[in-house]
């Protein structure tokens, strides 16, 4: 059987175990002293770099949050100021409108009073003038009646012609 399977021959076990121990020892020491410290160092540097990036990210995130809050505060202040300015402008516009309405009402009242007094004076003047004209007509009629003796029909025609003449004169004056 040993001829068929040389690896099972006991005489070669000691040399195989010897070389196995030497090979694994060299492999173990080379891995533990050279390769594993390099890998551990690389992993440590990588971990430190990741932590540094995390710290920077957190700082930048805090900065972004504070800038965002400041931005929101500025926007809110601007909105508040705009609302206050708009409110003040509306109040001023209402005050100006009320003042202008009062001034217009006063002016309208003054104009109305002036117009009423002008109309009243004109009417009074017209009444006085008409009264004087009627008195003049009456005097003329009385003079005519004294001078001429007329019947009622002549008196009526005479008064009509005098009135027509006076009103025609008045109408011409009014038209001009």
C-alpha atoms as a PDB file:
ATOM      1  CA  UNK A   1       0.000   0.000   0.000  1.00  0.00           C
ATOM      2  CA  UNK A   2       2.816   2.349   0.633  1.00  0.00           C
ATOM      3  CA  UNK A   3       3.932   1.885  -2.951  1.00  0.00           C
ATOM      4  CA  UNK A   4       0.593   2.993  -4.164  1.00  0.00           C
ATOM      5  CA  UNK A   5       0.205   5.851  -1.704  1.00  0.00           C
ATOM      6  CA  UNK A   6       3.580   7.389  -0.846  1.00  0.00           C
ATOM      7  CA  UNK A   7       2.007  10.216   1.145  1.00  0.00           C
ATOM      8  CA  UNK A   8       0.868   7.755   3.752  1.00  0.00           C
ATOM      9  CA  UNK A   9       4.321   6.404   4.349  1.00  0.00           C
ATOM     10  CA  UNK A  10       5.288   7.056   7.983  1.00  0.00           C
ATOM     11  CA  UNK A  11       8.971   7.702   7.296  1.00  0.00           C
ATOM     12  CA  UNK A  12       8.088  10.952   5.473  1.00  0.00           C
ATOM     13  CA  UNK A  13       5.792  12.249   8.203  1.00  0.00           C
ATOM     14  CA  UNK A  14       8.564  13.874  10.240  1.00  0.00           C
ATOM     15  CA  UNK A  15      10.039  15.837   7.370  1.00  0.00           C
ATOM     16  CA  UNK A  16       6.564  16.938   6.230  1.00  0.00           C
ATOM     17  CA  UNK A  17       5.660  18.089   9.757  1.00  0.00           C
ATOM     18  CA  UNK A  18       9.016  19.905  10.028  1.00  0.00           C
ATOM     19  CA  UNK A  19       8.513  21.809   6.772  1.00  0.00           C
ATOM     20  CA  UNK A  20       4.905  22.411   7.600  1.00  0.00           C
ATOM     21  CA  UNK A  21       5.880  24.034  10.915  1.00  0.00           C
ATOM     22  CA  UNK A  22       8.642  26.092   9.307  1.00  0.00           C
ATOM     23  CA  UNK A  23       6.367  27.233   6.451  1.00  0.00           C
ATOM     24  CA  UNK A  24       3.490  28.119   8.750  1.00  0.00           C
ATOM     25  CA  UNK A  25       5.840  29.812  11.210  1.00  0.00           C
ATOM     26  CA  UNK A  26       7.359  31.943   8.458  1.00  0.00           C
ATOM     27  CA  UNK A  27       3.898  32.643   7.097  1.00  0.00           C
ATOM     28  CA  UNK A  28       2.565  33.497  10.583  1.00  0.00           C
ATOM     29  CA  UNK A  29       5.484  35.772  11.485  1.00  0.00           C
ATOM     30  CA  UNK A  30       5.459  37.499   8.082  1.00  0.00           C
ATOM     31  CA  UNK A  31       1.729  38.064   8.339  1.00  0.00           C
ATOM     32  CA  UNK A  32       1.768  39.156  11.975  1.00  0.00           C
ATOM     33  CA  UNK A  33       4.889  41.374  11.722  1.00  0.00           C
ATOM     34  CA  UNK A  34       4.650  42.828   8.202  1.00  0.00           C
ATOM     35  CA  UNK A  35       1.326  42.442   6.474  1.00  0.00           C
ATOM     36  CA  UNK A  36      -1.148  42.644   9.366  1.00  0.00           C
ATOM     37  CA  UNK A  37       0.428  45.793  10.917  1.00  0.00           C
ATOM     38  CA  UNK A  38       0.320  47.464   7.489  1.00  0.00           C
ATOM     39  CA  UNK A  39      -3.312  46.448   7.054  1.00  0.00           C
ATOM     40  CA  UNK A  40      -4.111  47.515  10.655  1.00  0.00           C
ATOM     41  CA  UNK A  41      -2.351  50.860  10.064  1.00  0.00           C
ATOM     42  CA  UNK A  42      -4.284  51.319   6.823  1.00  0.00           C
ATOM     43  CA  UNK A  43      -7.579  50.485   8.559  1.00  0.00           C
ATOM     44  CA  UNK A  44      -6.760  52.870  11.433  1.00  0.00           C
ATOM     45  CA  UNK A  45      -5.892  55.717   9.038  1.00  0.00           C
ATOM     46  CA  UNK A  46      -9.051  54.995   7.095  1.00  0.00           C
ATOM     47  CA  UNK A  47     -11.124  55.086  10.314  1.00  0.00           C
ATOM     48  CA  UNK A  48      -9.471  58.375  11.379  1.00  0.00           C
ATOM     49  CA  UNK A  49     -10.128  59.872   7.934  1.00  0.00           C
ATOM     50  CA  UNK A  50     -13.785  58.801   8.120  1.00  0.00           C
ATOM     51  CA  UNK A  51     -14.103  60.321  11.612  1.00  0.00           C
ATOM     52  CA  UNK A  52     -12.507  63.548  10.400  1.00  0.00           C
ATOM     53  CA  UNK A  53     -14.949  63.722   7.492  1.00  0.00           C
ATOM     54  CA  UNK A  54     -17.839  63.030   9.877  1.00  0.00           C
ATOM     55  CA  UNK A  55     -16.702  65.870  12.184  1.00  0.00           C
ATOM     56  CA  UNK A  56     -16.366  68.261   9.241  1.00  0.00           C
ATOM     57  CA  UNK A  57     -19.769  67.187   7.951  1.00  0.00           C
ATOM     58  CA  UNK A  58     -21.341  67.791  11.369  1.00  0.00           C
ATOM     59  CA  UNK A  59     -19.700  71.235  11.603  1.00  0.00           C
ATOM     60  CA  UNK A  60     -20.850  72.137   8.112  1.00  0.00           C
ATOM     61  CA  UNK A  61     -24.320  70.800   8.865  1.00  0.00           C
ATOM     62  CA  UNK A  62     -24.485  72.961  12.005  1.00  0.00           C
ATOM     63  CA  UNK A  63     -23.318  75.935   9.958  1.00  0.00           C
ATOM     64  CA  UNK A  64     -25.940  75.215   7.318  1.00  0.00           C
ATOM     65  CA  UNK A  65     -28.647  74.900   9.980  1.00  0.00           C
ATOM     66  CA  UNK A  66     -27.616  78.190  11.621  1.00  0.00           C
ATOM     67  CA  UNK A  67     -27.484  79.944   8.229  1.00  0.00           C
ATOM     68  CA  UNK A  68     -30.889  78.489   7.348  1.00  0.00           C
ATOM     69  CA  UNK A  69     -32.368  79.708  10.644  1.00  0.00           C
ATOM     70  CA  UNK A  70     -30.820  83.155  10.143  1.00  0.00           C
ATOM     71  CA  UNK A  71     -32.225  83.200   6.607  1.00  0.00           C
ATOM     72  CA  UNK A  72     -35.690  82.236   7.877  1.00  0.00           C
ATOM     73  CA  UNK A  73     -35.478  84.923  10.574  1.00  0.00           C
ATOM     74  CA  UNK A  74     -34.484  87.549   8.003  1.00  0.00           C
ATOM     75  CA  UNK A  75     -37.340  86.530   5.731  1.00  0.00           C
ATOM     76  CA  UNK A  76     -39.801  86.685   8.634  1.00  0.00           C
ATOM     77  CA  UNK A  77     -38.482  90.104   9.679  1.00  0.00           C
ATOM     78  CA  UNK A  78     -38.826  91.326   6.092  1.00  0.00           C
ATOM     79  CA  UNK A  79     -42.392  89.997   5.934  1.00  0.00           C
ATOM     80  CA  UNK A  80     -43.220  91.645   9.266  1.00  0.00           C
ATOM     81  CA  UNK A  81     -41.726  94.954   8.103  1.00  0.00           C
ATOM     82  CA  UNK A  82     -43.589  94.743   4.800  1.00  0.00           C
ATOM     83  CA  UNK A  83     -46.858  94.018   6.623  1.00  0.00           C
ATOM     84  CA  UNK A  84     -46.228  96.944   8.990  1.00  0.00           C
ATOM     85  CA  UNK A  85     -45.404  99.283   6.095  1.00  0.00           C
ATOM     86  CA  UNK A  86     -48.513  98.147   4.234  1.00  0.00           C
ATOM     87  CA  UNK A  87     -50.643  98.628   7.351  1.00  0.00           C
ATOM     88  CA  UNK A  88     -49.203 102.123   7.889  1.00  0.00           C
ATOM     89  CA  UNK A  89     -49.734 103.011   4.236  1.00  0.00           C
ATOM     90  CA  UNK A  90     -53.351 101.841   4.425  1.00  0.00           C
ATOM     91  CA  UNK A  91     -53.896 103.884   7.586  1.00  0.00           C
ATOM     92  CA  UNK A  92     -52.333 106.963   6.000  1.00  0.00           C
ATOM     93  CA  UNK A  93     -54.421 106.492   2.861  1.00  0.00           C
ATOM     94  CA  UNK A  94     -57.567 106.218   4.964  1.00  0.00           C
ATOM     95  CA  UNK A  95     -56.634 109.319   6.953  1.00  0.00           C
ATOM     96  CA  UNK A  96     -55.904 111.262   3.771  1.00  0.00           C
ATOM     97  CA  UNK A  97     -59.157 110.065   2.232  1.00  0.00           C
ATOM     98  CA  UNK A  98     -61.121 111.079   5.337  1.00  0.00           C
ATOM     99  CA  UNK A  99     -59.389 114.458   5.415  1.00  0.00           C
ATOM    100  CA  UNK A 100     -60.054 115.021   1.702  1.00  0.00           C
ATOM    101  CA  UNK A 101     -63.687 113.989   2.169  1.00  0.00           C
ATOM    102  CA  UNK A 102     -64.035 116.480   5.024  1.00  0.00           C
ATOM    103  CA  UNK A 103     -62.424 119.226   2.946  1.00  0.00           C
ATOM    104  CA  UNK A 104     -64.694 118.396   0.022  1.00  0.00           C
ATOM    105  CA  UNK A 105     -67.749 118.390   2.304  1.00  0.00           C
ATOM    106  CA  UNK A 106     -66.751 121.772   3.748  1.00  0.00           C
ATOM    107  CA  UNK A 107     -66.120 123.199   0.286  1.00  0.00           C
ATOM    108  CA  UNK A 108     -69.409 121.788  -0.957  1.00  0.00           C
ATOM    109  CA  UNK A 109     -71.186 123.300   2.065  1.00  0.00           C
ATOM    110  CA  UNK A 110     -69.553 126.668   1.419  1.00  0.00           C
ATOM    111  CA  UNK A 111     -70.412 126.486  -2.293  1.00  0.00           C
ATOM    112  CA  UNK A 112     -73.964 125.449  -1.506  1.00  0.00           C
ATOM    113  CA  UNK A 113     -74.341 128.336   0.933  1.00  0.00           C
ATOM    114  CA  UNK A 114     -72.817 130.738  -1.603  1.00  0.00           C
ATOM    115  CA  UNK A 115     -75.147 129.452  -4.299  1.00  0.00           C
ATOM    116  CA  UNK A 116     -78.160 129.668  -1.992  1.00  0.00           C
ATOM    117  CA  UNK A 117     -77.278 133.203  -0.941  1.00  0.00           C
ATOM    118  CA  UNK A 118     -76.642 134.182  -4.589  1.00  0.00           C
ATOM    119  CA  UNK A 119     -79.969 132.691  -5.632  1.00  0.00           C
ATOM    120  CA  UNK A 120     -81.714 134.363  -2.716  1.00  0.00           C
ATOM    121  CA  UNK A 121     -80.097 137.704  -3.510  1.00  0.00           C
ATOM    122  CA  UNK A 122     -80.981 137.305  -7.179  1.00  0.00           C
ATOM    123  CA  UNK A 123     -84.560 136.424  -6.316  1.00  0.00           C
ATOM    124  CA  UNK A 124     -84.791 139.295  -3.855  1.00  0.00           C
ATOM    125  CA  UNK A 125     -83.332 141.651  -6.428  1.00  0.00           C
ATOM    126  CA  UNK A 126     -85.720 140.313  -9.089  1.00  0.00           C
ATOM    127  CA  UNK A 127     -88.678 140.668  -6.730  1.00  0.00           C
ATOM    128  CA  UNK A 128     -87.648 144.195  -5.853  1.00  0.00           C
ATOM    129  CA  UNK A 129     -87.104 145.041  -9.491  1.00  0.00           C
ATOM    130  CA  UNK A 130     -90.437 143.466 -10.447  1.00  0.00           C
ATOM    131  CA  UNK A 131     -92.161 145.365  -7.683  1.00  0.00           C
ATOM    132  CA  UNK A 132     -90.605 148.602  -8.865  1.00  0.00           C
ATOM    133  CA  UNK A 133     -91.530 147.783 -12.459  1.00  0.00           C
ATOM    134  CA  UNK A 134     -95.091 147.040 -11.419  1.00  0.00           C
ATOM    135  CA  UNK A 135     -95.218 150.290  -9.521  1.00  0.00           C
ATOM    136  CA  UNK A 136     -93.880 152.085 -12.581  1.00  0.00           C
ATOM    137  CA  UNK A 137     -96.500 150.399 -14.734  1.00  0.00           C
ATOM    138  CA  UNK A 138     -99.180 151.301 -12.278  1.00  0.00           C
ATOM    139  CA  UNK A 139     -98.053 154.917 -12.271  1.00  0.00           C
ATOM    140  CA  UNK A 140     -97.991 154.955 -16.053  1.00  0.00           C
ATOM    141  CA  UNK A 141    -101.461 153.449 -16.141  1.00  0.00           C
ATOM    142  CA  UNK A 142    -102.770 155.911 -13.623  1.00  0.00           C
ATOM    143  CA  UNK A 143    -101.257 158.765 -15.601  1.00  0.00           C
ATOM    144  CA  UNK A 144    -102.769 157.442 -18.776  1.00  0.00           C
ATOM    145  CA  UNK A 145    -106.130 156.993 -17.085  1.00  0.00           C
ATOM    146  CA  UNK A 146    -106.114 160.550 -15.881  1.00  0.00           C
ATOM    147  CA  UNK A 147    -105.111 161.889 -19.234  1.00  0.00           C
ATOM    148  CA  UNK A 148    -107.510 159.880 -21.272  1.00  0.00           C
ATOM    149  CA  UNK A 149    -110.835 158.700 -20.435  1.00  0.00           C
ATOM    150  CA  UNK A 150    -111.079 155.146 -21.532  1.00  0.00           C
ATOM    151  CA  UNK A 151    -113.325 152.326 -21.212  1.00  0.00           C
ATOM    152  CA  UNK A 152    -112.357 149.009 -19.657  1.00  0.00           C
ATOM    153  CA  UNK A 153    -111.377 147.380 -22.911  1.00  0.00           C
ATOM    154  CA  UNK A 154    -108.951 150.140 -23.809  1.00  0.00           C
ATOM    155  CA  UNK A 155    -107.479 149.943 -20.309  1.00  0.00           C
ATOM    156  CA  UNK A 156    -107.024 146.226 -20.686  1.00  0.00           C
ATOM    157  CA  UNK A 157    -105.321 146.584 -24.082  1.00  0.00           C
ATOM    158  CA  UNK A 158    -103.098 149.324 -22.780  1.00  0.00           C
ATOM    159  CA  UNK A 159    -101.972 147.319 -19.757  1.00  0.00           C
ATOM    160  CA  UNK A 160    -101.322 144.296 -21.957  1.00  0.00           C
ATOM    161  CA  UNK A 161     -99.146 146.253 -24.357  1.00  0.00           C
ATOM    162  CA  UNK A 162     -97.174 147.812 -21.488  1.00  0.00           C
ATOM    163  CA  UNK A 163     -96.573 144.433 -19.872  1.00  0.00           C
ATOM    164  CA  UNK A 164     -95.523 142.940 -23.208  1.00  0.00           C
ATOM    165  CA  UNK A 165     -93.103 145.778 -23.784  1.00  0.00           C
ATOM    166  CA  UNK A 166     -91.585 145.444 -20.290  1.00  0.00           C
ATOM    167  CA  UNK A 167     -91.270 141.664 -20.569  1.00  0.00           C
ATOM    168  CA  UNK A 168     -89.764 141.933 -24.035  1.00  0.00           C
ATOM    169  CA  UNK A 169     -87.151 144.340 -22.641  1.00  0.00           C
ATOM    170  CA  UNK A 170     -86.469 141.976 -19.732  1.00  0.00           C
ATOM    171  CA  UNK A 171     -86.214 138.995 -22.079  1.00  0.00           C
ATOM    172  CA  UNK A 172     -83.670 140.814 -24.271  1.00  0.00           C
ATOM    173  CA  UNK A 173     -81.600 141.729 -21.201  1.00  0.00           C
ATOM    174  CA  UNK A 174     -81.762 138.165 -19.932  1.00  0.00           C
ATOM    175  CA  UNK A 175     -80.820 136.744 -23.306  1.00  0.00           C
ATOM    176  CA  UNK A 176     -77.810 139.044 -23.615  1.00  0.00           C
END
